[in-house]
Amino acid sequence: MPDHFWIRMFEKPPVLYHGSPYLFDEAMPSFSTPTTDPRCRKGVYASDDRRIGLVFALRCRETKAGALQRPRWWRKHNEVFVAVIHDTIDWDATGFLYHLPPAAFSCENGWEWRSTTKVTPIRRETVRAADFLGLASQSAHETIYEVREHAYDPAA
């Protein structure tokens, strides 16, 4: 791998991004996956890529009583995509993109950062799905959107 990849992987960025459909003053450590998963670790999770943070700011509707649809996302080259079951994104809801200080975080896998302590955001952006999702394609079961780079609420 090129040297710049390894430098980026271990160098803390100036800010990390944590997306959530919920408004809060402090990010508290929690489980990112169901607790029956043995790989699950408690923490505040963030990304060095704001587009990935935006994915987690999406508010999705329940697909059945008590079960929220979690978006599936991936990177392809320098683009970020998200896939959801048709009509589950709540386009009218606001979400939040929190800018977090990196001091308490450690890199988990080259893009995901985790803190085991609570974190107070530096800044919070209010975002709407329509501002950062662009339709990429549709299949019989899901819709795929591209997460656009510079989508944010300038008034935040």
C-alpha atoms as a PDB file:
ATOM      1  CA  MET A   1       0.000   0.000   0.000  1.00  0.00           C
ATOM      2  CA  PRO A   2       1.125   3.558  -0.605  1.00  0.00           C
ATOM      3  CA  ASP A   3       2.785   5.299   2.333  1.00  0.00           C
ATOM      4  CA  HIS A   4       0.104   8.024   2.514  1.00  0.00           C
ATOM      5  CA  PHE A   5      -2.544   5.351   3.305  1.00  0.00           C
ATOM      6  CA  TRP A   6      -0.710   4.227   6.439  1.00  0.00           C
ATOM      7  CA  ILE A   7      -0.042   7.795   7.562  1.00  0.00           C
ATOM      8  CA  ARG A   8      -3.742   8.656   7.191  1.00  0.00           C
ATOM      9  CA  MET A   9      -4.771   5.466   8.948  1.00  0.00           C
ATOM     10  CA  PHE A  10      -2.838   6.237  12.127  1.00  0.00           C
ATOM     11  CA  GLU A  11      -2.939  10.037  12.150  1.00  0.00           C
ATOM     12  CA  LYS A  12      -5.889  11.574  13.968  1.00  0.00           C
ATOM     13  CA  PRO A  13      -7.934  13.892  11.776  1.00  0.00           C
ATOM     14  CA  PRO A  14      -8.802  17.371  13.094  1.00  0.00           C
ATOM     15  CA  VAL A  15     -12.487  16.410  13.451  1.00  0.00           C
ATOM     16  CA  LEU A  16     -14.599  13.240  13.436  1.00  0.00           C
ATOM     17  CA  TYR A  17     -18.239  12.904  12.352  1.00  0.00           C
ATOM     18  CA  HIS A  18     -21.043  11.135  14.201  1.00  0.00           C
ATOM     19  CA  GLY A  19     -24.472  11.044  12.571  1.00  0.00           C
ATOM     20  CA  SER A  20     -27.659  10.445  14.521  1.00  0.00           C
ATOM     21  CA  PRO A  21     -31.392  10.975  14.051  1.00  0.00           C
ATOM     22  CA  TYR A  22     -31.403  12.079  17.725  1.00  0.00           C
ATOM     23  CA  LEU A  23     -30.583  15.445  19.272  1.00  0.00           C
ATOM     24  CA  PHE A  24     -28.194  15.355  22.257  1.00  0.00           C
ATOM     25  CA  ASP A  25     -25.598  17.458  24.084  1.00  0.00           C
ATOM     26  CA  GLU A  26     -23.131  14.629  24.784  1.00  0.00           C
ATOM     27  CA  ALA A  27     -22.454  11.431  22.866  1.00  0.00           C
ATOM     28  CA  MET A  28     -22.561   8.540  25.336  1.00  0.00           C
ATOM     29  CA  PRO A  29     -20.910   5.149  24.714  1.00  0.00           C
ATOM     30  CA  SER A  30     -23.403   2.522  23.543  1.00  0.00           C
ATOM     31  CA  PHE A  31     -23.492  -0.704  21.552  1.00  0.00           C
ATOM     32  CA  SER A  32     -23.465  -0.204  17.784  1.00  0.00           C
ATOM     33  CA  THR A  33     -24.954  -3.635  17.017  1.00  0.00           C
ATOM     34  CA  PRO A  34     -27.251  -6.004  18.900  1.00  0.00           C
ATOM     35  CA  THR A  35     -25.611  -7.158  22.126  1.00  0.00           C
ATOM     36  CA  THR A  36     -25.848 -10.824  21.082  1.00  0.00           C
ATOM     37  CA  ASP A  37     -23.097 -10.130  18.534  1.00  0.00           C
ATOM     38  CA  PRO A  38     -19.775 -11.207  20.125  1.00  0.00           C
ATOM     39  CA  ARG A  39     -17.919  -8.572  18.066  1.00  0.00           C
ATOM     40  CA  CYS A  40     -20.015  -5.792  19.561  1.00  0.00           C
ATOM     41  CA  ARG A  41     -18.072  -3.264  21.626  1.00  0.00           C
ATOM     42  CA  LYS A  42     -19.469  -0.366  23.595  1.00  0.00           C
ATOM     43  CA  GLY A  43     -18.347   3.090  22.496  1.00  0.00           C
ATOM     44  CA  VAL A  44     -19.067   6.355  20.734  1.00  0.00           C
ATOM     45  CA  TYR A  45     -18.485   5.625  17.057  1.00  0.00           C
ATOM     46  CA  ALA A  46     -17.454   8.208  14.481  1.00  0.00           C
ATOM     47  CA  SER A  47     -15.910   8.462  11.015  1.00  0.00           C
ATOM     48  CA  ASP A  48     -13.279  10.656   9.452  1.00  0.00           C
ATOM     49  CA  ASP A  49     -15.564  10.898   6.372  1.00  0.00           C
ATOM     50  CA  ARG A  50     -18.537  13.236   6.840  1.00  0.00           C
ATOM     51  CA  ARG A  51     -20.528  11.327   4.193  1.00  0.00           C
ATOM     52  CA  ILE A  52     -20.456   8.202   6.353  1.00  0.00           C
ATOM     53  CA  GLY A  53     -21.579  10.292   9.319  1.00  0.00           C
ATOM     54  CA  LEU A  54     -24.500  11.542   7.216  1.00  0.00           C
ATOM     55  CA  VAL A  55     -25.656   7.953   6.593  1.00  0.00           C
ATOM     56  CA  PHE A  56     -26.155   7.487  10.333  1.00  0.00           C
ATOM     57  CA  ALA A  57     -28.137  10.753  10.557  1.00  0.00           C
ATOM     58  CA  LEU A  58     -30.903   9.222   8.411  1.00  0.00           C
ATOM     59  CA  ARG A  59     -34.242   8.671  10.110  1.00  0.00           C
ATOM     60  CA  CYS A  60     -35.908   5.585   8.673  1.00  0.00           C
ATOM     61  CA  ARG A  61     -39.454   4.382   9.200  1.00  0.00           C
ATOM     62  CA  GLU A  62     -40.348   1.095  10.854  1.00  0.00           C
ATOM     63  CA  THR A  63     -40.616  -1.794   8.400  1.00  0.00           C
ATOM     64  CA  LYS A  64     -42.680  -3.728  10.942  1.00  0.00           C
ATOM     65  CA  ALA A  65     -43.835  -2.779  14.427  1.00  0.00           C
ATOM     66  CA  GLY A  66     -40.826  -1.977  16.606  1.00  0.00           C
ATOM     67  CA  ALA A  67     -38.217  -2.723  13.901  1.00  0.00           C
ATOM     68  CA  LEU A  68     -36.430   0.225  12.334  1.00  0.00           C
ATOM     69  CA  GLN A  69     -34.813  -0.185   8.922  1.00  0.00           C
ATOM     70  CA  ARG A  70     -31.044   0.242   9.208  1.00  0.00           C
ATOM     71  CA  PRO A  71     -29.449   1.502   6.017  1.00  0.00           C
ATOM     72  CA  ARG A  72     -26.789  -0.608   4.332  1.00  0.00           C
ATOM     73  CA  TRP A  73     -23.876   1.502   3.107  1.00  0.00           C
ATOM     74  CA  TRP A  74     -20.556   1.051   1.294  1.00  0.00           C
ATOM     75  CA  ARG A  75     -17.735   2.913  -0.415  1.00  0.00           C
ATOM     76  CA  LYS A  76     -16.908   2.432  -4.072  1.00  0.00           C
ATOM     77  CA  HIS A  77     -13.777   4.252  -5.175  1.00  0.00           C
ATOM     78  CA  ASN A  78     -14.255   7.728  -3.675  1.00  0.00           C
ATOM     79  CA  GLU A  79     -18.052   7.586  -3.480  1.00  0.00           C
ATOM     80  CA  VAL A  80     -20.348   6.566  -0.626  1.00  0.00           C
ATOM     81  CA  PHE A  81     -23.654   4.779  -1.286  1.00  0.00           C
ATOM     82  CA  VAL A  82     -26.558   3.807   0.941  1.00  0.00           C
ATOM     83  CA  ALA A  83     -29.318   1.277   0.236  1.00  0.00           C
ATOM     84  CA  VAL A  84     -32.694   1.083   1.968  1.00  0.00           C
ATOM     85  CA  ILE A  85     -35.915  -0.842   1.497  1.00  0.00           C
ATOM     86  CA  HIS A  86     -38.259   1.248  -0.687  1.00  0.00           C
ATOM     87  CA  ASP A  87     -40.048   4.125   1.064  1.00  0.00           C
ATOM     88  CA  THR A  88     -38.424   3.704   4.478  1.00  0.00           C
ATOM     89  CA  ILE A  89     -36.503   7.003   4.573  1.00  0.00           C
ATOM     90  CA  ASP A  90     -38.412   9.723   6.394  1.00  0.00           C
ATOM     91  CA  TRP A  91     -37.680  12.593   3.972  1.00  0.00           C
ATOM     92  CA  ASP A  92     -39.304  15.217   6.215  1.00  0.00           C
ATOM     93  CA  ALA A  93     -37.362  14.361   9.373  1.00  0.00           C
ATOM     94  CA  THR A  94     -34.250  16.162  10.477  1.00  0.00           C
ATOM     95  CA  GLY A  95     -31.110  14.361  11.553  1.00  0.00           C
ATOM     96  CA  PHE A  96     -27.911  15.604  13.104  1.00  0.00           C
ATOM     97  CA  LEU A  97     -24.261  15.462  12.114  1.00  0.00           C
ATOM     98  CA  TYR A  98     -22.058  15.993  15.146  1.00  0.00           C
ATOM     99  CA  HIS A  99     -18.477  17.240  14.774  1.00  0.00           C
ATOM    100  CA  LEU A 100     -16.435  15.558  17.518  1.00  0.00           C
ATOM    101  CA  PRO A 101     -12.962  16.296  18.879  1.00  0.00           C
ATOM    102  CA  PRO A 102     -10.644  13.356  18.100  1.00  0.00           C
ATOM    103  CA  ALA A 103      -8.635  13.322  21.361  1.00  0.00           C
ATOM    104  CA  ALA A 104     -10.560  10.486  23.082  1.00  0.00           C
ATOM    105  CA  PHE A 105     -10.855   8.309  19.944  1.00  0.00           C
ATOM    106  CA  SER A 106      -8.750   5.473  18.612  1.00  0.00           C
ATOM    107  CA  CYS A 107      -8.881   4.123  15.052  1.00  0.00           C
ATOM    108  CA  GLU A 108     -10.648   0.772  14.773  1.00  0.00           C
ATOM    109  CA  ASN A 109     -10.218  -0.206  11.119  1.00  0.00           C
ATOM    110  CA  GLY A 110      -8.879   2.617   9.027  1.00  0.00           C
ATOM    111  CA  TRP A 111     -12.087   4.670   8.847  1.00  0.00           C
ATOM    112  CA  GLU A 112     -14.060   4.009  12.029  1.00  0.00           C
ATOM    113  CA  TRP A 113     -13.059   5.638  15.289  1.00  0.00           C
ATOM    114  CA  ARG A 114     -14.232   4.664  18.792  1.00  0.00           C
ATOM    115  CA  SER A 115     -14.187   6.401  22.156  1.00  0.00           C
ATOM    116  CA  THR A 116     -15.001   4.525  25.353  1.00  0.00           C
ATOM    117  CA  THR A 117     -15.869   7.767  27.170  1.00  0.00           C
ATOM    118  CA  LYS A 118     -18.597  10.342  26.608  1.00  0.00           C
ATOM    119  CA  VAL A 119     -17.771  13.041  24.061  1.00  0.00           C
ATOM    120  CA  THR A 120     -19.030  16.620  23.881  1.00  0.00           C
ATOM    121  CA  PRO A 121     -19.538  17.773  20.265  1.00  0.00           C
ATOM    122  CA  ILE A 122     -17.653  20.790  18.941  1.00  0.00           C
ATOM    123  CA  ARG A 123     -20.505  21.586  16.563  1.00  0.00           C
ATOM    124  CA  ARG A 124     -23.822  20.164  15.374  1.00  0.00           C
ATOM    125  CA  GLU A 125     -25.327  20.394  11.889  1.00  0.00           C
ATOM    126  CA  THR A 126     -29.032  19.884  11.267  1.00  0.00           C
ATOM    127  CA  VAL A 127     -29.481  17.827   8.095  1.00  0.00           C
ATOM    128  CA  ARG A 128     -32.320  16.461   5.959  1.00  0.00           C
ATOM    129  CA  ALA A 129     -32.067  13.389   3.760  1.00  0.00           C
ATOM    130  CA  ALA A 130     -33.184  15.319   0.663  1.00  0.00           C
ATOM    131  CA  ASP A 131     -30.182  17.618   1.072  1.00  0.00           C
ATOM    132  CA  PHE A 132     -27.545  14.900   0.814  1.00  0.00           C
ATOM    133  CA  LEU A 133     -29.034  11.858  -0.942  1.00  0.00           C
ATOM    134  CA  GLY A 134     -29.130  11.560  -4.720  1.00  0.00           C
ATOM    135  CA  LEU A 135     -30.952   8.665  -6.398  1.00  0.00           C
ATOM    136  CA  ALA A 136     -28.465   6.243  -7.940  1.00  0.00           C
ATOM    137  CA  SER A 137     -30.624   3.212  -8.835  1.00  0.00           C
ATOM    138  CA  GLN A 138     -33.582   1.066  -7.867  1.00  0.00           C
ATOM    139  CA  SER A 139     -34.148  -2.669  -7.760  1.00  0.00           C
ATOM    140  CA  ALA A 140     -37.237  -4.688  -6.937  1.00  0.00           C
ATOM    141  CA  HIS A 141     -36.437  -4.613  -3.210  1.00  0.00           C
ATOM    142  CA  GLU A 142     -34.392  -1.515  -2.460  1.00  0.00           C
ATOM    143  CA  THR A 143     -33.383   1.966  -3.532  1.00  0.00           C
ATOM    144  CA  ILE A 144     -29.735   3.004  -3.744  1.00  0.00           C
ATOM    145  CA  TYR A 145     -28.663   6.584  -3.134  1.00  0.00           C
ATOM    146  CA  GLU A 146     -25.322   8.336  -3.468  1.00  0.00           C
ATOM    147  CA  VAL A 147     -24.310  10.385  -0.442  1.00  0.00           C
ATOM    148  CA  ARG A 148     -23.231  13.759  -1.772  1.00  0.00           C
ATOM    149  CA  GLU A 149     -20.072  15.361  -0.406  1.00  0.00           C
ATOM    150  CA  HIS A 150     -20.995  18.847   0.782  1.00  0.00           C
ATOM    151  CA  ALA A 151     -24.542  18.580   2.081  1.00  0.00           C
ATOM    152  CA  TYR A 152     -25.095  20.542   5.254  1.00  0.00           C
ATOM    153  CA  ASP A 153     -27.303  23.117   6.909  1.00  0.00           C
ATOM    154  CA  PRO A 154     -25.392  26.423   6.609  1.00  0.00           C
ATOM    155  CA  ALA A 155     -27.483  27.884   9.455  1.00  0.00           C
ATOM    156  CA  ALA A 156     -26.357  25.211  11.952  1.00  0.00           C
END
